[in-house]
Amino acid sequence: MVVITCLSLAVLVGLAVVPVRTWLSQKEKTRQAEAEISRIDQDIASLERQLGELQTDAEIERRARQDFDLVYPGEESYRILPSEPEPGDD
């Protein structure tokens, strides 16, 4: 009788380990997915801020001048080039 009880208990413990292991694995995957969702939400918020900035005339002008060297008619644009190395400055 003791042997049957011990075997039954061992089987029950063995059967309980698999669902607990699965539950813990799923819990970890859920935590990782929630962390990724949080990072994605932060990226979305950052991109929405950038989009808001890009819809202002001041930001459009700043980017046009900085990135494309555009100027208003009548303005002049100058670019300072790096100096050429002196002979023997290798």
C-alpha atoms as a PDB file:
ATOM      1  CA  MET A   1       0.000   0.000   0.000  1.00  0.00           C
ATOM      2  CA  VAL A   2       2.832   2.409   0.830  1.00  0.00           C
ATOM      3  CA  VAL A   3       4.489   1.635  -2.506  1.00  0.00           C
ATOM      4  CA  ILE A   4       1.287   2.366  -4.415  1.00  0.00           C
ATOM      5  CA  THR A   5       0.819   5.623  -2.500  1.00  0.00           C
ATOM      6  CA  CYS A   6       4.411   6.662  -3.195  1.00  0.00           C
ATOM      7  CA  LEU A   7       4.072   5.784  -6.879  1.00  0.00           C
ATOM      8  CA  SER A   8       0.780   7.652  -7.106  1.00  0.00           C
ATOM      9  CA  LEU A   9       2.322  10.662  -5.409  1.00  0.00           C
ATOM     10  CA  ALA A  10       5.337  10.540  -7.742  1.00  0.00           C
ATOM     11  CA  VAL A  11       3.052  10.414 -10.782  1.00  0.00           C
ATOM     12  CA  LEU A  12       0.998  13.349  -9.496  1.00  0.00           C
ATOM     13  CA  VAL A  13       4.128  15.404  -8.846  1.00  0.00           C
ATOM     14  CA  GLY A  14       5.453  14.493 -12.301  1.00  0.00           C
ATOM     15  CA  LEU A  15       2.209  15.548 -13.923  1.00  0.00           C
ATOM     16  CA  ALA A  16       2.210  18.845 -11.999  1.00  0.00           C
ATOM     17  CA  VAL A  17       5.761  19.761 -13.083  1.00  0.00           C
ATOM     18  CA  VAL A  18       4.923  20.013 -16.788  1.00  0.00           C
ATOM     19  CA  PRO A  19       2.046  22.501 -16.427  1.00  0.00           C
ATOM     20  CA  VAL A  20       4.014  24.592 -13.922  1.00  0.00           C
ATOM     21  CA  ARG A  21       7.003  24.674 -16.257  1.00  0.00           C
ATOM     22  CA  THR A  22       4.749  25.682 -19.154  1.00  0.00           C
ATOM     23  CA  TRP A  23       3.077  28.361 -17.039  1.00  0.00           C
ATOM     24  CA  LEU A  24       6.444  29.825 -16.007  1.00  0.00           C
ATOM     25  CA  SER A  25       7.636  29.814 -19.613  1.00  0.00           C
ATOM     26  CA  GLN A  26       4.490  31.581 -20.775  1.00  0.00           C
ATOM     27  CA  LYS A  27       4.797  34.107 -17.966  1.00  0.00           C
ATOM     28  CA  GLU A  28       8.369  34.950 -19.069  1.00  0.00           C
ATOM     29  CA  LYS A  29       7.313  35.287 -22.703  1.00  0.00           C
ATOM     30  CA  THR A  30       4.463  37.581 -21.634  1.00  0.00           C
ATOM     31  CA  ARG A  31       6.898  39.748 -19.665  1.00  0.00           C
ATOM     32  CA  GLN A  32       9.220  39.984 -22.687  1.00  0.00           C
ATOM     33  CA  ALA A  33       6.322  40.873 -24.996  1.00  0.00           C
ATOM     34  CA  GLU A  34       5.129  43.588 -22.597  1.00  0.00           C
ATOM     35  CA  ALA A  35       8.648  45.048 -22.450  1.00  0.00           C
ATOM     36  CA  GLU A  36       8.807  45.095 -26.254  1.00  0.00           C
ATOM     37  CA  ILE A  37       5.387  46.755 -26.450  1.00  0.00           C
ATOM     38  CA  SER A  38       6.615  49.396 -24.011  1.00  0.00           C
ATOM     39  CA  ARG A  39       9.704  50.075 -26.180  1.00  0.00           C
ATOM     40  CA  ILE A  40       7.546  50.273 -29.301  1.00  0.00           C
ATOM     41  CA  ASP A  41       5.151  52.690 -27.570  1.00  0.00           C
ATOM     42  CA  GLN A  42       8.116  54.909 -26.672  1.00  0.00           C
ATOM     43  CA  ASP A  43       9.319  54.804 -30.296  1.00  0.00           C
ATOM     44  CA  ILE A  44       5.843  55.746 -31.512  1.00  0.00           C
ATOM     45  CA  ALA A  45       5.689  58.684 -29.082  1.00  0.00           C
ATOM     46  CA  SER A  46       9.109  59.877 -30.260  1.00  0.00           C
ATOM     47  CA  LEU A  47       8.111  59.609 -33.913  1.00  0.00           C
ATOM     48  CA  GLU A  48       4.856  61.463 -33.251  1.00  0.00           C
ATOM     49  CA  ARG A  49       6.837  64.289 -31.606  1.00  0.00           C
ATOM     50  CA  GLN A  50       9.132  64.435 -34.633  1.00  0.00           C
ATOM     51  CA  LEU A  51       6.128  64.472 -36.951  1.00  0.00           C
ATOM     52  CA  GLY A  52       4.653  67.371 -35.013  1.00  0.00           C
ATOM     53  CA  GLU A  53       7.929  69.273 -35.299  1.00  0.00           C
ATOM     54  CA  LEU A  54       8.182  68.584 -39.021  1.00  0.00           C
ATOM     55  CA  GLN A  55       4.788  70.175 -39.583  1.00  0.00           C
ATOM     56  CA  THR A  56       5.959  73.612 -38.406  1.00  0.00           C
ATOM     57  CA  ASP A  57       7.275  76.225 -40.820  1.00  0.00           C
ATOM     58  CA  ALA A  58      10.287  76.916 -38.599  1.00  0.00           C
ATOM     59  CA  GLU A  59      11.406  73.268 -38.617  1.00  0.00           C
ATOM     60  CA  ILE A  60      10.857  72.935 -42.361  1.00  0.00           C
ATOM     61  CA  GLU A  61      12.987  76.028 -42.945  1.00  0.00           C
ATOM     62  CA  ARG A  62      15.692  74.828 -40.543  1.00  0.00           C
ATOM     63  CA  ARG A  63      15.895  71.434 -42.239  1.00  0.00           C
ATOM     64  CA  ALA A  64      15.874  72.955 -45.743  1.00  0.00           C
ATOM     65  CA  ARG A  65      18.756  75.235 -44.826  1.00  0.00           C
ATOM     66  CA  GLN A  66      20.744  72.649 -42.882  1.00  0.00           C
ATOM     67  CA  ASP A  67      20.228  69.538 -44.984  1.00  0.00           C
ATOM     68  CA  PHE A  68      19.798  70.952 -48.493  1.00  0.00           C
ATOM     69  CA  ASP A  69      21.559  74.335 -48.329  1.00  0.00           C
ATOM     70  CA  LEU A  70      18.413  76.084 -49.549  1.00  0.00           C
ATOM     71  CA  VAL A  71      18.085  79.857 -49.170  1.00  0.00           C
ATOM     72  CA  TYR A  72      15.409  82.445 -49.872  1.00  0.00           C
ATOM     73  CA  PRO A  73      15.676  84.412 -53.113  1.00  0.00           C
ATOM     74  CA  GLY A  74      18.132  87.247 -52.640  1.00  0.00           C
ATOM     75  CA  GLU A  75      20.124  85.418 -49.931  1.00  0.00           C
ATOM     76  CA  GLU A  76      23.563  84.002 -50.576  1.00  0.00           C
ATOM     77  CA  SER A  77      24.840  80.716 -49.297  1.00  0.00           C
ATOM     78  CA  TYR A  78      28.490  80.192 -48.421  1.00  0.00           C
ATOM     79  CA  ARG A  79      30.273  77.016 -47.549  1.00  0.00           C
ATOM     80  CA  ILE A  80      33.625  76.945 -45.815  1.00  0.00           C
ATOM     81  CA  LEU A  81      35.703  74.082 -47.124  1.00  0.00           C
ATOM     82  CA  PRO A  82      38.434  72.429 -45.107  1.00  0.00           C
ATOM     83  CA  SER A  83      41.897  73.691 -45.890  1.00  0.00           C
ATOM     84  CA  GLU A  84      44.115  71.609 -48.090  1.00  0.00           C
ATOM     85  CA  PRO A  85      46.950  69.865 -46.294  1.00  0.00           C
ATOM     86  CA  GLU A  86      50.369  71.413 -46.648  1.00  0.00           C
ATOM     87  CA  PRO A  87      52.876  69.412 -48.711  1.00  0.00           C
ATOM     88  CA  GLY A  88      54.717  67.080 -46.392  1.00  0.00           C
ATOM     89  CA  ASP A  89      51.884  66.931 -43.778  1.00  0.00           C
ATOM     90  CA  ASP A  90      51.182  63.255 -44.362  1.00  0.00           C
END
